Amino acid sequence: MKDQEYKDVTLLAAKIRRDVLALLQHRGYGHIGGSLSLVETYAVLYARQLRHDASDPKWEGRDRIVLSKGHAGPVMYSTLAEEGYFPKEWLMTMNDGGTHLPSHTDRLKTPGVDMTTGSLGQGTSTAAGIAYALRQKGSNNYVYLIVGDGELNEGQCWEAFQFIASKGLSNCIVLVDNNKKQLDGTCEEVMKPFDIEQKMRSFGFYTQKVNGQNVRAIDDAINCAKDHKSSANCIVLDTVKGAGVPYFENAYMNHSMKWNNDEINKATDEAIAYLDNFIGRSEA
């Protein structure tokens, strides 16, 4: 990644993070932790790796994203808005009646969403099916399957992974958001995950583990996965839940939060102001 490319990805990440904060503060509640942990991944995908066309969301030549952890819709919506899939004004309507942006992603409502998700585990199976169908058609397009570490408690994930590996679907790149927490505690407390990297290898995946808040590391890992065509591919993203904003990083229960006191609103306002300043200087 050249210096200018790095600056472009970093700028997009700042815009996505700002938008996530603004829309959830406006909503007054929402899935903040697991949205912020994926900001850098989404910036790399849309700025560097993903074949897509905002003017034609159903373009047959596009790569697909399946956000199996569909509650992280805010990060996807913010990215799609920044990329021009729909007006940014839509962001402030999330979860309103008649909105195009439901709490969990829905392909029938939002331009740029390829698969409806939210019931954890099910996205792994649909992504496997999409990847298999693309290969049967002779397509060279990729499917990026994004799953949460807590989501891996669902047995359906491992059935899908076994299918992906068994069929050698190297066109399905599994990205595990390893942010160490889930809805009601740490992953270690709820159900010990053991070594995710080791487990994916045992299931037949060529597996890499990288800093999931480092855009260069994510980009390099995806390039490496694309070069590895002899087996299924997995990238374990070592992330921080609530990444990029110390207040949210340090909050113990930061899966979903309410903006119901001065402290959380002050922290959000300060983070947005900082990001706005960074964006302004970067674009100057």
Protein backbone atom coordinates (compact mmCIF):
# COMPACT_ATOMS: atom_id res chain seq x y z
CA MET A 1 0.00 0.00 0.00
CA LYS A 2 1.54 3.28 -1.13
CA ASP A 3 1.51 6.36 1.07
CA GLN A 4 -1.36 8.05 -0.77
CA GLU A 5 -3.39 4.85 -0.72
CA TYR A 6 -2.78 4.60 3.02
CA LYS A 7 -3.98 8.18 3.47
CA ASP A 8 -7.11 7.47 1.42
CA VAL A 9 -8.00 4.37 3.44
CA THR A 10 -7.31 6.14 6.74
CA LEU A 11 -9.49 9.05 5.68
CA LEU A 12 -12.35 6.72 4.76
CA ALA A 13 -12.00 4.94 8.12
CA ALA A 14 -12.25 8.29 9.94
CA LYS A 15 -15.42 9.17 8.03
CA ILE A 16 -16.98 5.78 8.73
CA ARG A 17 -16.15 6.00 12.46
CA ARG A 18 -17.56 9.54 12.66
CA ASP A 19 -20.77 8.47 10.91
CA VAL A 20 -21.25 5.44 13.16
CA LEU A 21 -20.94 7.65 16.24
CA ALA A 22 -23.26 10.32 14.85
CA LEU A 23 -26.03 7.98 13.78
CA LEU A 24 -26.04 5.99 17.03
CA GLN A 25 -25.98 9.13 19.15
CA HIS A 26 -28.91 10.43 17.11
CA ARG A 27 -30.73 7.13 17.54
CA GLY A 28 -30.01 7.12 21.28
CA TYR A 29 -28.96 3.47 21.41
CA GLY A 30 -27.35 0.79 19.30
CA HIS A 31 -24.59 -1.72 18.60
CA ILE A 32 -21.55 0.47 19.04
CA GLY A 33 -18.79 -1.93 20.11
CA GLY A 34 -18.84 -4.42 17.24
CA SER A 35 -19.45 -1.68 14.69
CA LEU A 36 -16.38 0.32 15.70
CA SER A 37 -14.16 -2.79 15.77
CA LEU A 38 -14.86 -3.34 12.05
CA VAL A 39 -14.25 0.21 10.80
CA GLU A 40 -10.76 -0.44 9.42
CA THR A 41 -11.87 -3.67 7.76
CA TYR A 42 -14.68 -1.91 5.93
CA ALA A 43 -12.40 0.93 4.89
CA VAL A 44 -9.89 -1.51 3.40
CA LEU A 45 -12.58 -3.54 1.64
CA TYR A 46 -14.29 -0.60 -0.04
CA ALA A 47 -11.23 1.54 -0.73
CA ARG A 48 -8.86 -1.24 -1.78
CA GLN A 49 -10.22 -4.74 -2.27
CA LEU A 50 -13.90 -4.89 -3.18
CA ARG A 51 -15.12 -4.83 -6.76
CA HIS A 52 -18.29 -2.76 -6.49
CA ASP A 53 -20.26 -0.01 -8.20
CA ALA A 54 -22.43 2.34 -6.15
CA SER A 55 -24.32 3.36 -9.30
CA ASP A 56 -25.26 -0.29 -9.92
CA PRO A 57 -25.56 -2.15 -6.56
CA LYS A 58 -26.72 -5.35 -8.27
CA TRP A 59 -23.88 -5.39 -10.82
CA GLU A 60 -23.14 -9.02 -11.62
CA GLY A 61 -19.39 -8.39 -11.62
CA ARG A 62 -19.32 -7.27 -8.01
CA ASP A 63 -17.77 -9.04 -5.05
CA ARG A 64 -20.18 -9.84 -2.22
CA ILE A 65 -20.08 -9.04 1.48
CA VAL A 66 -22.04 -11.12 3.95
CA LEU A 67 -22.04 -9.40 7.33
CA SER A 68 -23.11 -12.44 9.31
CA LYS A 69 -22.96 -10.41 12.53
CA GLY A 70 -25.79 -8.32 11.11
CA HIS A 71 -26.20 -6.24 14.28
CA ALA A 72 -23.09 -4.34 13.12
CA GLY A 73 -25.28 -2.74 10.47
CA PRO A 74 -24.20 0.80 11.51
CA VAL A 75 -20.66 0.24 10.17
CA MET A 76 -21.99 -1.13 6.89
CA TYR A 77 -24.55 1.67 6.49
CA SER A 78 -21.95 4.34 7.22
CA THR A 79 -19.60 2.83 4.65
CA LEU A 80 -22.29 2.54 1.98
CA ALA A 81 -23.34 6.14 2.58
CA GLU A 82 -19.76 7.37 2.25
CA GLU A 83 -19.39 5.36 -0.96
CA GLY A 84 -22.52 6.94 -2.47
CA TYR A 85 -24.96 4.02 -2.38
CA PHE A 86 -27.62 6.23 -0.83
CA PRO A 87 -27.94 9.77 0.63
CA LYS A 88 -26.16 10.32 3.93
CA GLU A 89 -29.41 11.70 5.33
CA TRP A 90 -30.69 8.14 5.46
CA LEU A 91 -28.25 7.37 8.28
CA MET A 92 -30.33 9.34 10.76
CA THR A 93 -33.40 7.24 9.95
CA MET A 94 -31.96 3.92 11.12
CA ASN A 95 -34.68 1.88 12.84
CA ASP A 96 -37.40 4.45 12.15
CA GLY A 97 -40.69 3.18 10.78
CA GLY A 98 -40.41 2.73 7.02
CA THR A 99 -36.63 3.17 7.06
CA HIS A 100 -34.28 1.76 4.44
CA LEU A 101 -31.85 0.99 7.28
CA PRO A 102 -33.19 -1.56 9.76
CA SER A 103 -31.26 -2.48 12.90
CA HIS A 104 -29.94 -5.65 11.19
CA THR A 105 -28.99 -5.63 7.53
CA ASP A 106 -31.67 -6.47 4.95
CA ARG A 107 -30.92 -6.93 1.24
CA LEU A 108 -34.50 -5.99 0.30
CA LYS A 109 -34.29 -2.60 2.00
CA THR A 110 -30.76 -1.24 1.60
CA PRO A 111 -28.86 -0.67 -1.67
CA GLY A 112 -25.48 -2.38 -1.41
CA VAL A 113 -26.52 -5.07 1.07
CA ASP A 114 -26.07 -8.48 -0.56
CA MET A 115 -27.56 -10.71 2.13
CA THR A 116 -30.07 -10.28 4.94
CA THR A 117 -28.43 -11.21 8.25
CA GLY A 118 -28.83 -10.92 11.98
CA SER A 119 -29.76 -14.38 13.23
CA LEU A 120 -26.25 -15.32 14.20
CA GLY A 121 -24.61 -18.16 12.33
CA GLN A 122 -26.93 -18.12 9.35
CA GLY A 123 -24.74 -15.76 7.33
CA THR A 124 -21.98 -18.36 7.31
CA SER A 125 -24.20 -20.82 5.44
CA THR A 126 -25.54 -18.27 2.97
CA ALA A 127 -22.03 -17.02 2.21
CA ALA A 128 -20.92 -20.60 1.59
CA GLY A 129 -23.80 -21.03 -0.82
CA ILE A 130 -23.08 -17.79 -2.65
CA ALA A 131 -19.39 -18.69 -3.01
CA TYR A 132 -20.23 -22.18 -4.27
CA ALA A 133 -22.75 -20.80 -6.79
CA LEU A 134 -20.24 -18.24 -8.08
CA ARG A 135 -17.66 -20.97 -8.60
CA GLN A 136 -20.20 -23.15 -10.41
CA LYS A 137 -20.89 -20.22 -12.74
CA GLY A 138 -17.19 -19.81 -13.46
CA SER A 139 -17.10 -16.40 -11.78
CA ASN A 140 -13.86 -15.04 -10.31
CA ASN A 141 -15.68 -12.87 -7.76
CA TYR A 142 -15.03 -13.05 -4.03
CA VAL A 143 -17.37 -13.40 -1.07
CA TYR A 144 -16.19 -11.71 2.12
CA LEU A 145 -17.84 -13.42 5.10
CA ILE A 146 -17.61 -11.33 8.28
CA VAL A 147 -18.36 -13.15 11.53
CA GLY A 148 -18.00 -12.26 15.18
CA ASP A 149 -16.00 -14.28 17.69
CA GLY A 150 -19.04 -14.59 19.95
CA GLU A 151 -21.05 -15.70 16.94
CA LEU A 152 -18.76 -18.72 16.64
CA ASN A 153 -20.66 -20.19 19.60
CA GLU A 154 -23.25 -21.14 16.98
CA GLY A 155 -22.68 -24.66 15.69
CA GLN A 156 -24.02 -23.65 12.28
CA CYS A 157 -20.80 -21.67 11.73
CA TRP A 158 -18.68 -24.79 11.96
CA GLU A 159 -20.94 -26.76 9.62
CA ALA A 160 -20.58 -23.97 7.07
CA PHE A 161 -16.82 -23.75 7.58
CA GLN A 162 -16.50 -27.48 7.04
CA PHE A 163 -18.42 -27.14 3.76
CA ILE A 164 -16.30 -24.15 2.63
CA ALA A 165 -13.08 -26.02 3.37
CA SER A 166 -14.29 -29.34 1.99
CA LYS A 167 -15.23 -27.72 -1.32
CA GLY A 168 -12.01 -25.68 -1.41
CA LEU A 169 -13.89 -22.40 -1.73
CA SER A 170 -10.88 -20.10 -1.80
CA ASN A 171 -13.19 -17.40 -3.20
CA CYS A 172 -14.86 -17.14 0.22
CA ILE A 173 -12.59 -15.18 2.54
CA VAL A 174 -13.71 -15.55 6.16
CA LEU A 175 -12.97 -12.51 8.34
CA VAL A 176 -13.37 -13.15 12.09
CA ASP A 177 -13.88 -10.01 14.19
CA ASN A 178 -12.00 -11.21 17.25
CA ASN A 179 -12.89 -8.35 19.60
CA LYS A 180 -13.01 -10.65 22.67
CA LYS A 181 -16.55 -9.68 23.79
CA GLN A 182 -20.12 -10.61 23.02
CA LEU A 183 -23.57 -9.49 24.15
CA ASP A 184 -23.32 -10.11 27.88
CA GLY A 185 -19.65 -10.46 28.71
CA THR A 186 -16.26 -11.47 27.41
CA CYS A 187 -16.02 -14.49 25.15
CA GLU A 188 -13.83 -16.18 27.78
CA GLU A 189 -16.54 -15.74 30.41
CA VAL A 190 -19.51 -16.80 28.27
CA MET A 191 -17.96 -19.81 26.54
CA LYS A 192 -14.22 -20.22 26.21
CA PRO A 193 -13.37 -19.88 22.48
CA PHE A 194 -9.94 -21.52 22.77
CA ASP A 195 -7.59 -20.64 19.89
CA ILE A 196 -9.70 -19.47 16.94
CA GLU A 197 -6.70 -19.38 14.62
CA GLN A 198 -5.80 -22.95 15.48
CA LYS A 199 -9.41 -24.13 15.13
CA MET A 200 -9.77 -22.61 11.67
CA ARG A 201 -6.54 -24.31 10.59
CA SER A 202 -7.84 -27.63 11.89
CA PHE A 203 -10.95 -27.12 9.77
CA GLY A 204 -8.78 -26.83 6.66
CA PHE A 205 -8.39 -23.07 6.30
CA TYR A 206 -5.24 -21.23 5.37
CA THR A 207 -5.38 -18.89 8.35
CA GLN A 208 -3.71 -15.58 9.14
CA LYS A 209 -4.01 -13.47 12.28
CA VAL A 210 -3.47 -9.72 12.00
CA ASN A 211 -4.05 -6.47 13.86
CA GLY A 212 -7.63 -5.68 12.85
CA GLN A 213 -7.20 -1.97 13.50
CA ASN A 214 -4.19 -1.70 11.15
CA VAL A 215 -5.27 -1.01 7.58
CA ARG A 216 -1.93 -2.05 6.07
CA ALA A 217 -2.02 -5.40 7.89
CA ILE A 218 -5.61 -6.08 6.80
CA ASP A 219 -4.85 -5.16 3.20
CA ASP A 220 -1.74 -7.34 3.11
CA ALA A 221 -3.62 -10.29 4.59
CA ILE A 222 -6.40 -10.05 2.01
CA ASN A 223 -3.85 -9.88 -0.80
CA CYS A 224 -2.16 -12.96 0.64
CA ALA A 225 -5.49 -14.79 0.88
CA LYS A 226 -6.26 -13.98 -2.75
CA ASP A 227 -2.92 -15.45 -3.77
CA HIS A 228 -3.66 -18.63 -1.82
CA LYS A 229 -6.03 -20.59 -4.05
CA SER A 230 -5.34 -24.14 -2.89
CA SER A 231 -7.68 -24.07 0.12
CA ALA A 232 -10.26 -22.02 2.00
CA ASN A 233 -9.04 -18.75 3.55
CA CYS A 234 -9.55 -17.18 6.96
CA ILE A 235 -8.25 -13.95 8.46
CA VAL A 236 -8.59 -13.59 12.24
CA LEU A 237 -8.81 -9.87 12.96
CA ASP A 238 -7.36 -9.08 16.38
CA THR A 239 -9.60 -6.12 17.25
CA VAL A 240 -10.82 -4.03 20.18
CA LYS A 241 -14.53 -3.70 20.81
CA GLY A 242 -15.35 0.01 20.61
CA ALA A 243 -12.06 0.71 18.80
CA GLY A 244 -10.99 4.27 18.15
CA VAL A 245 -12.80 5.92 21.06
CA PRO A 246 -11.30 5.32 24.53
CA TYR A 247 -14.64 5.78 26.28
CA PHE A 248 -16.22 2.92 24.36
CA GLU A 249 -13.08 0.77 24.40
CA ASN A 250 -13.01 0.95 28.21
CA ALA A 251 -16.72 0.36 28.77
CA TYR A 252 -17.18 -3.20 29.97
CA MET A 253 -20.69 -3.72 28.55
CA ASN A 254 -20.12 -2.10 25.16
CA HIS A 255 -21.96 -4.48 22.85
CA SER A 256 -25.03 -2.26 22.69
CA MET A 257 -25.29 1.00 24.63
CA LYS A 258 -27.73 3.82 25.37
CA TRP A 259 -26.92 7.50 25.04
CA ASN A 260 -28.71 8.34 28.29
CA ASN A 261 -26.27 10.49 30.27
CA ASP A 262 -23.95 13.46 29.91
CA GLU A 263 -20.78 11.34 30.10
CA ILE A 264 -21.53 9.21 27.02
CA ASN A 265 -22.76 12.22 25.04
CA LYS A 266 -19.68 14.26 25.96
CA ALA A 267 -17.37 11.42 24.91
CA THR A 268 -19.24 11.04 21.62
CA ASP A 269 -19.22 14.77 20.90
CA GLU A 270 -15.49 14.96 21.56
CA ALA A 271 -14.75 11.97 19.35
CA ILE A 272 -16.84 13.35 16.49
CA ALA A 273 -15.16 16.76 16.81
CA TYR A 274 -11.72 15.12 16.72
CA LEU A 275 -12.62 13.06 13.66
CA ASP A 276 -14.16 16.06 11.89
CA ASN A 277 -10.92 17.98 12.50
CA PHE A 278 -8.83 15.07 11.20
CA ILE A 279 -11.02 14.76 8.12
CA GLY A 280 -10.87 18.48 7.47
CA ARG A 281 -7.08 18.55 7.69
CA SER A 282 -6.77 15.46 5.49
CA GLU A 283 -8.97 16.93 2.79
CA ALA A 284 -7.40 20.38 2.88
